[in-house]
Amino acid sequence: MTDKTALTPATHTAPPARFSHGVRKGNILQVAGQVGFLPAEEGRPPTPAGPTLREQTLQTLANVKAVLEAGGASWDDAMMIRVYLTDVDHFAEMNAIYNTYFEEQGLTAPPAARTTVYVGLPAGLLVEIDALAVLG
């Protein structure tokens, strides 16, 4: 049986509860829900990238990418992406940001499947994203 490996990129702080930012087992990598916190800095509590959906979405995608890369994966390996929004009125803006982000990444594989749902998040957080990747 293949070992399960927990992933915490250098840009991330330790999770606030008993979970991993990412877990890889064999060729499967699951990225836990990431939010738009800036990269970890000693002495600074987790801080959102900014108050706007754009700032938080771009940072959230960067945080998901960091976990993918820590597990030896890339966006091309992503099979499923789940987006969690706090406000239904943010869907069109998030979709535009998301589409532009992935166009700029220059991916060669077909895009991952995606689900978007609406949830409650801690005050000030507007978006959370997780991903499932399968490596070659």
N, C-alpha and C. Protein backbone atom coordinates (compact mmCIF):
# COMPACT_ATOMS: atom_id res chain seq x y z
N MET A 1 0.84 -1.18 0.00
CA MET A 1 0.00 0.00 0.00
C MET A 1 0.88 1.25 0.00
N THR A 2 0.53 2.23 -0.76
CA THR A 2 1.29 3.46 -0.88
C THR A 2 1.10 4.34 0.34
N ASP A 3 2.19 4.96 0.78
CA ASP A 3 2.11 5.86 1.92
C ASP A 3 1.37 7.14 1.57
N LYS A 4 0.73 7.70 2.56
CA LYS A 4 0.05 8.98 2.43
C LYS A 4 1.00 10.05 2.96
N THR A 5 1.19 11.13 2.18
CA THR A 5 2.11 12.20 2.54
C THR A 5 1.36 13.51 2.69
N ALA A 6 1.53 14.16 3.84
CA ALA A 6 0.93 15.47 4.07
C ALA A 6 1.80 16.54 3.43
N LEU A 7 1.16 17.57 2.89
CA LEU A 7 1.87 18.64 2.20
C LEU A 7 1.56 19.99 2.84
N THR A 8 2.61 20.73 3.19
CA THR A 8 2.47 22.10 3.66
C THR A 8 3.56 22.92 2.99
N PRO A 9 3.22 23.69 1.96
CA PRO A 9 4.22 24.52 1.30
C PRO A 9 4.84 25.54 2.26
N ALA A 10 6.04 25.99 1.97
CA ALA A 10 6.72 26.98 2.80
C ALA A 10 5.92 28.28 2.90
N THR A 11 5.06 28.54 1.93
CA THR A 11 4.25 29.77 1.92
C THR A 11 3.06 29.70 2.87
N HIS A 12 2.81 28.54 3.44
CA HIS A 12 1.62 28.33 4.26
C HIS A 12 1.98 28.17 5.74
N THR A 13 1.08 28.60 6.61
CA THR A 13 1.23 28.34 8.03
C THR A 13 0.63 26.97 8.32
N ALA A 14 0.90 26.46 9.51
CA ALA A 14 0.29 25.19 9.90
C ALA A 14 -1.22 25.38 9.94
N PRO A 15 -1.98 24.39 9.50
CA PRO A 15 -3.44 24.50 9.53
C PRO A 15 -3.93 24.75 10.97
N PRO A 16 -5.04 25.45 11.12
CA PRO A 16 -5.56 25.79 12.45
C PRO A 16 -6.26 24.63 13.15
N ALA A 17 -6.41 23.51 12.48
CA ALA A 17 -7.06 22.32 13.05
C ALA A 17 -6.31 21.09 12.52
N ARG A 18 -6.79 19.93 12.86
CA ARG A 18 -6.11 18.69 12.48
C ARG A 18 -6.47 18.31 11.05
N PHE A 19 -5.81 18.95 10.09
CA PHE A 19 -5.93 18.59 8.68
C PHE A 19 -4.67 19.03 7.97
N SER A 20 -4.49 18.56 6.76
CA SER A 20 -3.33 18.91 5.94
C SER A 20 -3.76 19.85 4.83
N HIS A 21 -2.85 20.75 4.42
CA HIS A 21 -3.15 21.61 3.28
C HIS A 21 -3.31 20.78 2.01
N GLY A 22 -2.58 19.69 1.96
CA GLY A 22 -2.70 18.76 0.85
C GLY A 22 -2.25 17.39 1.29
N VAL A 23 -2.74 16.37 0.59
CA VAL A 23 -2.34 15.00 0.88
C VAL A 23 -2.14 14.29 -0.45
N ARG A 24 -1.00 13.59 -0.55
CA ARG A 24 -0.74 12.79 -1.74
C ARG A 24 -0.61 11.34 -1.33
N LYS A 25 -1.27 10.48 -2.10
CA LYS A 25 -1.15 9.04 -1.93
C LYS A 25 -1.07 8.45 -3.32
N GLY A 26 0.07 7.86 -3.64
CA GLY A 26 0.28 7.36 -4.99
C GLY A 26 0.22 8.51 -5.97
N ASN A 27 -0.62 8.38 -6.98
CA ASN A 27 -0.71 9.44 -7.99
C ASN A 27 -1.91 10.37 -7.76
N ILE A 28 -2.54 10.29 -6.58
CA ILE A 28 -3.68 11.13 -6.25
C ILE A 28 -3.23 12.22 -5.27
N LEU A 29 -3.58 13.45 -5.57
CA LEU A 29 -3.26 14.57 -4.69
C LEU A 29 -4.53 15.38 -4.45
N GLN A 30 -4.89 15.51 -3.18
CA GLN A 30 -6.06 16.32 -2.80
C GLN A 30 -5.56 17.58 -2.10
N VAL A 31 -5.97 18.72 -2.64
CA VAL A 31 -5.66 20.01 -2.01
C VAL A 31 -6.85 20.41 -1.17
N ALA A 32 -6.61 20.67 0.11
CA ALA A 32 -7.67 21.13 1.00
C ALA A 32 -8.13 22.51 0.57
N GLY A 33 -9.29 22.91 1.01
CA GLY A 33 -9.79 24.24 0.71
C GLY A 33 -8.79 25.31 1.13
N GLN A 34 -8.43 26.15 0.18
CA GLN A 34 -7.50 27.25 0.42
C GLN A 34 -8.26 28.56 0.33
N VAL A 35 -7.84 29.52 1.11
CA VAL A 35 -8.42 30.86 1.05
C VAL A 35 -7.33 31.85 0.64
N GLY A 36 -7.70 33.10 0.51
CA GLY A 36 -6.79 34.11 -0.03
C GLY A 36 -5.85 34.74 0.98
N PHE A 37 -5.27 33.94 1.88
CA PHE A 37 -4.29 34.47 2.81
C PHE A 37 -2.97 34.69 2.10
N LEU A 38 -2.32 35.80 2.44
CA LEU A 38 -0.98 36.09 1.92
C LEU A 38 -0.02 35.02 2.41
N PRO A 39 1.13 34.86 1.71
CA PRO A 39 2.12 33.88 2.18
C PRO A 39 2.50 34.14 3.64
N ALA A 40 2.81 33.05 4.34
CA ALA A 40 3.15 33.12 5.76
C ALA A 40 4.36 34.03 5.98
N GLU A 41 4.28 34.80 7.04
CA GLU A 41 5.37 35.68 7.44
C GLU A 41 5.45 35.62 8.95
N GLU A 42 6.65 35.39 9.48
CA GLU A 42 6.80 35.24 10.93
C GLU A 42 6.27 36.47 11.66
N GLY A 43 5.48 36.22 12.68
CA GLY A 43 4.94 37.30 13.49
C GLY A 43 3.66 37.91 12.97
N ARG A 44 3.24 37.54 11.75
CA ARG A 44 2.01 38.10 11.19
C ARG A 44 0.94 37.02 11.19
N PRO A 45 -0.23 37.33 11.74
CA PRO A 45 -1.30 36.33 11.68
C PRO A 45 -1.76 36.16 10.24
N PRO A 46 -2.45 35.06 9.93
CA PRO A 46 -2.98 34.89 8.57
C PRO A 46 -3.78 36.13 8.16
N THR A 47 -3.42 36.69 7.01
CA THR A 47 -4.00 37.95 6.55
C THR A 47 -4.52 37.80 5.13
N PRO A 48 -5.78 38.16 4.87
CA PRO A 48 -6.29 38.12 3.49
C PRO A 48 -5.49 39.03 2.57
N ALA A 49 -5.39 38.66 1.31
CA ALA A 49 -4.65 39.43 0.31
C ALA A 49 -5.25 40.82 0.12
N GLY A 50 -6.48 40.99 0.45
CA GLY A 50 -7.16 42.28 0.33
C GLY A 50 -8.64 42.07 0.52
N PRO A 51 -9.38 43.15 0.48
CA PRO A 51 -10.82 43.04 0.71
C PRO A 51 -11.63 42.67 -0.53
N THR A 52 -11.01 42.72 -1.72
CA THR A 52 -11.78 42.50 -2.94
C THR A 52 -11.79 41.04 -3.36
N LEU A 53 -12.83 40.68 -4.10
CA LEU A 53 -12.92 39.33 -4.63
C LEU A 53 -11.74 39.03 -5.54
N ARG A 54 -11.32 39.98 -6.35
CA ARG A 54 -10.19 39.78 -7.26
C ARG A 54 -8.91 39.44 -6.49
N GLU A 55 -8.59 40.24 -5.49
CA GLU A 55 -7.37 40.00 -4.71
C GLU A 55 -7.42 38.63 -4.05
N GLN A 56 -8.54 38.32 -3.45
CA GLN A 56 -8.65 37.04 -2.74
C GLN A 56 -8.67 35.85 -3.69
N THR A 57 -9.34 35.97 -4.83
CA THR A 57 -9.39 34.85 -5.78
C THR A 57 -8.00 34.56 -6.33
N LEU A 58 -7.28 35.59 -6.74
CA LEU A 58 -5.93 35.38 -7.29
C LEU A 58 -4.99 34.78 -6.25
N GLN A 59 -5.08 35.25 -5.00
CA GLN A 59 -4.22 34.68 -3.95
C GLN A 59 -4.63 33.26 -3.62
N THR A 60 -5.93 32.99 -3.63
CA THR A 60 -6.41 31.64 -3.36
C THR A 60 -5.90 30.68 -4.43
N LEU A 61 -5.98 31.07 -5.69
CA LEU A 61 -5.45 30.23 -6.77
C LEU A 61 -3.95 30.02 -6.61
N ALA A 62 -3.21 31.05 -6.20
CA ALA A 62 -1.77 30.91 -5.96
C ALA A 62 -1.52 29.93 -4.82
N ASN A 63 -2.37 29.96 -3.79
CA ASN A 63 -2.20 29.05 -2.66
C ASN A 63 -2.50 27.61 -3.05
N VAL A 64 -3.53 27.40 -3.88
CA VAL A 64 -3.81 26.05 -4.38
C VAL A 64 -2.64 25.56 -5.23
N LYS A 65 -2.14 26.42 -6.11
CA LYS A 65 -1.00 26.06 -6.97
C LYS A 65 0.21 25.67 -6.13
N ALA A 66 0.46 26.38 -5.03
CA ALA A 66 1.61 26.07 -4.17
C ALA A 66 1.48 24.66 -3.59
N VAL A 67 0.28 24.27 -3.20
CA VAL A 67 0.08 22.92 -2.65
C VAL A 67 0.24 21.88 -3.76
N LEU A 68 -0.33 22.16 -4.94
CA LEU A 68 -0.14 21.24 -6.07
C LEU A 68 1.34 21.01 -6.33
N GLU A 69 2.10 22.10 -6.40
CA GLU A 69 3.53 22.00 -6.70
C GLU A 69 4.29 21.28 -5.58
N ALA A 70 3.88 21.48 -4.33
CA ALA A 70 4.53 20.78 -3.21
C ALA A 70 4.34 19.27 -3.34
N GLY A 71 3.26 18.87 -4.00
CA GLY A 71 2.98 17.45 -4.21
C GLY A 71 3.46 16.92 -5.55
N GLY A 72 4.20 17.75 -6.29
CA GLY A 72 4.73 17.32 -7.58
C GLY A 72 3.73 17.43 -8.72
N ALA A 73 2.69 18.23 -8.54
CA ALA A 73 1.65 18.36 -9.56
C ALA A 73 1.61 19.79 -10.10
N SER A 74 0.78 19.98 -11.10
CA SER A 74 0.54 21.30 -11.68
C SER A 74 -0.94 21.41 -12.00
N TRP A 75 -1.35 22.58 -12.48
CA TRP A 75 -2.74 22.74 -12.89
C TRP A 75 -3.12 21.76 -13.99
N ASP A 76 -2.17 21.36 -14.84
CA ASP A 76 -2.47 20.38 -15.89
C ASP A 76 -2.92 19.04 -15.31
N ASP A 77 -2.52 18.75 -14.07
CA ASP A 77 -2.90 17.50 -13.42
C ASP A 77 -4.25 17.58 -12.71
N ALA A 78 -4.78 18.78 -12.57
CA ALA A 78 -6.04 18.96 -11.84
C ALA A 78 -7.20 18.35 -12.62
N MET A 79 -7.96 17.53 -11.94
CA MET A 79 -9.14 16.88 -12.53
C MET A 79 -10.43 17.57 -12.09
N MET A 80 -10.42 18.09 -10.86
CA MET A 80 -11.62 18.71 -10.28
C MET A 80 -11.22 19.90 -9.44
N ILE A 81 -11.92 20.99 -9.62
CA ILE A 81 -11.72 22.19 -8.81
C ILE A 81 -13.09 22.58 -8.27
N ARG A 82 -13.11 22.84 -6.96
CA ARG A 82 -14.35 23.29 -6.33
C ARG A 82 -14.13 24.71 -5.80
N VAL A 83 -15.05 25.60 -6.14
CA VAL A 83 -15.00 26.99 -5.72
C VAL A 83 -16.16 27.24 -4.77
N TYR A 84 -15.85 27.85 -3.64
CA TYR A 84 -16.85 28.17 -2.63
C TYR A 84 -16.91 29.69 -2.51
N LEU A 85 -18.06 30.27 -2.79
CA LEU A 85 -18.25 31.72 -2.71
C LEU A 85 -19.22 32.05 -1.58
N THR A 86 -19.02 33.21 -0.97
CA THR A 86 -19.92 33.63 0.10
C THR A 86 -21.12 34.42 -0.42
N ASP A 87 -21.07 34.84 -1.68
CA ASP A 87 -22.13 35.72 -2.21
C ASP A 87 -22.45 35.30 -3.65
N VAL A 88 -23.69 34.98 -3.93
CA VAL A 88 -24.09 34.57 -5.28
C VAL A 88 -23.82 35.67 -6.29
N ASP A 89 -23.83 36.92 -5.85
CA ASP A 89 -23.57 38.02 -6.78
C ASP A 89 -22.11 38.08 -7.24
N HIS A 90 -21.24 37.30 -6.63
CA HIS A 90 -19.82 37.28 -7.00
C HIS A 90 -19.51 36.29 -8.13
N PHE A 91 -20.50 35.49 -8.52
CA PHE A 91 -20.21 34.42 -9.49
C PHE A 91 -19.63 34.95 -10.80
N ALA A 92 -20.26 35.91 -11.42
CA ALA A 92 -19.79 36.40 -12.74
C ALA A 92 -18.38 36.99 -12.64
N GLU A 93 -18.12 37.77 -11.60
CA GLU A 93 -16.78 38.36 -11.44
C GLU A 93 -15.74 37.28 -11.19
N MET A 94 -16.05 36.33 -10.31
CA MET A 94 -15.10 35.24 -10.04
C MET A 94 -14.84 34.44 -11.30
N ASN A 95 -15.88 34.17 -12.07
CA ASN A 95 -15.73 33.39 -13.30
C ASN A 95 -14.79 34.10 -14.28
N ALA A 96 -14.92 35.41 -14.39
CA ALA A 96 -14.05 36.19 -15.28
C ALA A 96 -12.60 36.14 -14.79
N ILE A 97 -12.40 36.31 -13.49
CA ILE A 97 -11.05 36.25 -12.91
C ILE A 97 -10.46 34.85 -13.14
N TYR A 98 -11.25 33.83 -12.87
CA TYR A 98 -10.84 32.43 -13.02
C TYR A 98 -10.44 32.14 -14.47
N ASN A 99 -11.28 32.53 -15.42
CA ASN A 99 -10.97 32.28 -16.83
C ASN A 99 -9.69 32.97 -17.25
N THR A 100 -9.51 34.23 -16.87
CA THR A 100 -8.30 34.97 -17.22
C THR A 100 -7.07 34.33 -16.59
N TYR A 101 -7.18 33.94 -15.33
CA TYR A 101 -6.06 33.30 -14.63
C TYR A 101 -5.59 32.07 -15.40
N PHE A 102 -6.53 31.19 -15.75
CA PHE A 102 -6.13 29.96 -16.42
C PHE A 102 -5.67 30.19 -17.85
N GLU A 103 -6.19 31.19 -18.52
CA GLU A 103 -5.66 31.55 -19.84
C GLU A 103 -4.20 31.98 -19.72
N GLU A 104 -3.89 32.76 -18.69
CA GLU A 104 -2.53 33.25 -18.47
C GLU A 104 -1.57 32.15 -18.03
N GLN A 105 -2.09 31.05 -17.49
CA GLN A 105 -1.24 29.93 -17.06
C GLN A 105 -0.72 29.13 -18.25
N GLY A 106 -1.34 29.28 -19.41
CA GLY A 106 -0.89 28.58 -20.60
C GLY A 106 -0.98 27.07 -20.49
N LEU A 107 -2.05 26.57 -19.94
CA LEU A 107 -2.20 25.13 -19.75
C LEU A 107 -2.31 24.40 -21.08
N THR A 108 -1.79 23.18 -21.09
CA THR A 108 -1.85 22.37 -22.31
C THR A 108 -2.95 21.30 -22.23
N ALA A 109 -3.32 20.93 -21.02
CA ALA A 109 -4.35 19.90 -20.83
C ALA A 109 -5.74 20.53 -20.90
N PRO A 110 -6.77 19.72 -21.17
CA PRO A 110 -8.13 20.26 -21.08
C PRO A 110 -8.37 20.78 -19.67
N PRO A 111 -9.27 21.76 -19.50
CA PRO A 111 -9.51 22.29 -18.17
C PRO A 111 -10.13 21.25 -17.24
N ALA A 112 -9.89 21.45 -15.95
CA ALA A 112 -10.47 20.57 -14.94
C ALA A 112 -11.98 20.78 -14.89
N ALA A 113 -12.68 19.77 -14.40
CA ALA A 113 -14.10 19.94 -14.09
C ALA A 113 -14.19 20.93 -12.93
N ARG A 114 -15.33 21.60 -12.79
CA ARG A 114 -15.46 22.58 -11.70
C ARG A 114 -16.88 22.61 -11.18
N THR A 115 -16.97 22.79 -9.88
CA THR A 115 -18.24 23.02 -9.20
C THR A 115 -18.10 24.30 -8.41
N THR A 116 -19.16 25.10 -8.39
CA THR A 116 -19.18 26.32 -7.57
C THR A 116 -20.39 26.25 -6.66
N VAL A 117 -20.15 26.47 -5.37
CA VAL A 117 -21.23 26.47 -4.39
C VAL A 117 -21.13 27.72 -3.53
N TYR A 118 -22.17 28.00 -2.80
CA TYR A 118 -22.23 29.18 -1.94
C TYR A 118 -22.26 28.73 -0.49
N VAL A 119 -21.37 29.35 0.30
CA VAL A 119 -21.15 28.92 1.68
C VAL A 119 -20.95 30.12 2.59
N GLY A 120 -20.87 29.84 3.88
CA GLY A 120 -20.44 30.83 4.85
C GLY A 120 -18.96 30.60 5.13
N LEU A 121 -18.19 31.67 5.17
CA LEU A 121 -16.77 31.61 5.52
C LEU A 121 -16.52 32.60 6.65
N PRO A 122 -15.39 32.49 7.33
CA PRO A 122 -15.09 33.47 8.39
C PRO A 122 -15.14 34.90 7.84
N ALA A 123 -15.45 35.82 8.71
CA ALA A 123 -15.61 37.24 8.34
C ALA A 123 -14.42 37.72 7.51
N GLY A 124 -14.73 38.41 6.41
CA GLY A 124 -13.70 38.99 5.56
C GLY A 124 -13.24 38.10 4.43
N LEU A 125 -13.53 36.79 4.51
CA LEU A 125 -13.12 35.88 3.44
C LEU A 125 -14.27 35.71 2.47
N LEU A 126 -13.97 35.80 1.18
CA LEU A 126 -14.99 35.78 0.14
C LEU A 126 -15.00 34.52 -0.71
N VAL A 127 -13.86 33.80 -0.74
CA VAL A 127 -13.73 32.65 -1.65
C VAL A 127 -12.81 31.61 -1.03
N GLU A 128 -13.12 30.36 -1.32
CA GLU A 128 -12.27 29.22 -0.95
C GLU A 128 -12.26 28.29 -2.15
N ILE A 129 -11.10 27.66 -2.40
CA ILE A 129 -10.97 26.77 -3.54
C ILE A 129 -10.20 25.52 -3.13
N ASP A 130 -10.66 24.35 -3.57
CA ASP A 130 -9.88 23.12 -3.39
C ASP A 130 -9.70 22.44 -4.74
N ALA A 131 -8.86 21.44 -4.79
CA ALA A 131 -8.58 20.77 -6.06
C ALA A 131 -8.22 19.31 -5.82
N LEU A 132 -8.50 18.51 -6.82
CA LEU A 132 -8.11 17.11 -6.86
C LEU A 132 -7.27 16.92 -8.11
N ALA A 133 -6.08 16.37 -7.94
CA ALA A 133 -5.18 16.15 -9.08
C ALA A 133 -4.80 14.68 -9.15
N VAL A 134 -4.59 14.22 -10.37
CA VAL A 134 -4.08 12.87 -10.63
C VAL A 134 -2.81 13.03 -11.45
N LEU A 135 -1.72 12.52 -10.91
CA LEU A 135 -0.41 12.67 -11.57
C LEU A 135 -0.17 11.48 -12.48
N GLY A 136 0.53 11.76 -13.59
CA GLY A 136 0.85 10.79 -14.62
C GLY A 136 1.19 9.45 -14.11
